[in-house]
Amino acid sequence: MKIDWAALASVFGVSLVITVALVGVFTLGIVALSKLSAPAGGSGSGSGASGGTAALARTSAYACFAACAAAVSYGIYLIVA
């Protein structure tokens, strides 16, 4: 049995980069959602996000989660096909 080490290293490298990128995008989505909630113990000034900022944070969070779902779906498609 012969192992193609170059192909194995290539698969490892690509999967590592994609995993780190996917975790990063998911983290950005969580951070965007956390901008919507008021800080615990806030006194009213600076608590939560204003109207336009809240819509932008919610939209960007949903976009990040949609990108993660699309990447996972594409990975499952590649495995099944």
Protein backbone atom coordinates (compact mmCIF):
# COMPACT_ATOMS: atom_id res chain seq x y z
CA MET A 1 0.00 0.00 0.00
CA LYS A 2 1.38 3.37 -1.03
CA ILE A 3 0.27 6.61 0.62
CA ASP A 4 0.26 9.80 -1.43
CA TRP A 5 1.69 12.09 1.27
CA ALA A 6 1.36 15.24 -0.85
CA ALA A 7 -2.37 14.65 -1.36
CA LEU A 8 -2.81 13.88 2.34
CA ALA A 9 -1.02 17.10 3.30
CA SER A 10 -3.12 19.05 0.81
CA VAL A 11 -6.37 17.67 2.23
CA PHE A 12 -5.18 18.40 5.76
CA GLY A 13 -4.20 21.97 4.89
CA VAL A 14 -7.44 22.78 3.09
CA SER A 15 -9.58 21.27 5.82
CA LEU A 16 -7.66 23.18 8.49
CA VAL A 17 -8.08 26.50 6.69
CA ILE A 18 -11.78 25.90 6.00
CA THR A 19 -12.40 24.86 9.60
CA VAL A 20 -10.73 27.95 11.02
CA ALA A 21 -12.60 30.18 8.55
CA LEU A 22 -15.94 28.55 9.36
CA VAL A 23 -15.41 28.92 13.10
CA GLY A 24 -14.40 32.55 12.54
CA VAL A 25 -17.54 33.33 10.53
CA PHE A 26 -19.74 31.63 13.13
CA THR A 27 -17.99 33.62 15.87
CA LEU A 28 -18.66 36.86 13.97
CA GLY A 29 -22.34 35.89 13.85
CA ILE A 30 -22.43 35.33 17.60
CA VAL A 31 -20.65 38.64 18.23
CA ALA A 32 -23.15 40.42 16.00
CA LEU A 33 -26.04 38.89 17.93
CA SER A 34 -24.45 39.87 21.23
CA LYS A 35 -24.51 43.51 20.07
CA LEU A 36 -28.31 43.31 20.18
CA SER A 37 -28.64 42.55 23.87
CA ALA A 38 -28.14 45.05 26.64
CA PRO A 39 -25.16 44.57 28.93
CA ALA A 40 -25.97 43.04 32.31
CA GLY A 41 -26.04 45.87 34.82
CA GLY A 42 -26.16 48.66 32.26
CA SER A 43 -27.55 51.95 33.54
CA GLY A 44 -29.49 52.81 30.41
CA SER A 45 -26.85 54.84 28.61
CA GLY A 46 -25.17 52.76 25.95
CA SER A 47 -27.26 49.69 26.64
CA GLY A 48 -28.11 47.58 23.63
CA ALA A 49 -28.09 48.72 20.02
CA SER A 50 -30.07 51.54 18.44
CA GLY A 51 -32.60 50.96 15.65
CA GLY A 52 -30.32 51.09 12.61
CA THR A 53 -27.43 49.43 14.37
CA ALA A 54 -29.66 46.63 15.63
CA ALA A 55 -30.96 45.92 12.14
CA LEU A 56 -27.42 45.88 10.75
CA ALA A 57 -26.21 43.59 13.55
CA ARG A 58 -29.14 41.19 13.07
CA THR A 59 -28.70 41.13 9.29
CA SER A 60 -24.96 40.50 9.50
CA ALA A 61 -25.47 37.77 12.10
CA TYR A 62 -28.01 36.01 9.91
CA ALA A 63 -25.69 36.36 6.91
CA CYS A 64 -22.84 34.75 8.88
CA PHE A 65 -25.06 31.88 9.99
CA ALA A 66 -26.36 31.41 6.44
CA ALA A 67 -22.77 31.27 5.15
CA CYS A 68 -21.96 28.61 7.76
CA ALA A 69 -25.04 26.59 6.83
CA ALA A 70 -24.16 26.85 3.14
CA ALA A 71 -20.58 25.70 3.75
CA VAL A 72 -21.74 22.73 5.83
CA SER A 73 -24.38 21.83 3.25
CA TYR A 74 -21.81 21.97 0.46
CA GLY A 75 -19.47 19.74 2.47
CA ILE A 76 -22.22 17.19 2.99
CA TYR A 77 -23.03 17.38 -0.73
CA LEU A 78 -19.37 16.67 -1.57
CA ILE A 79 -19.31 13.68 0.75
CA VAL A 80 -22.56 12.19 -0.57
CA ALA A 81 -21.97 12.83 -4.28
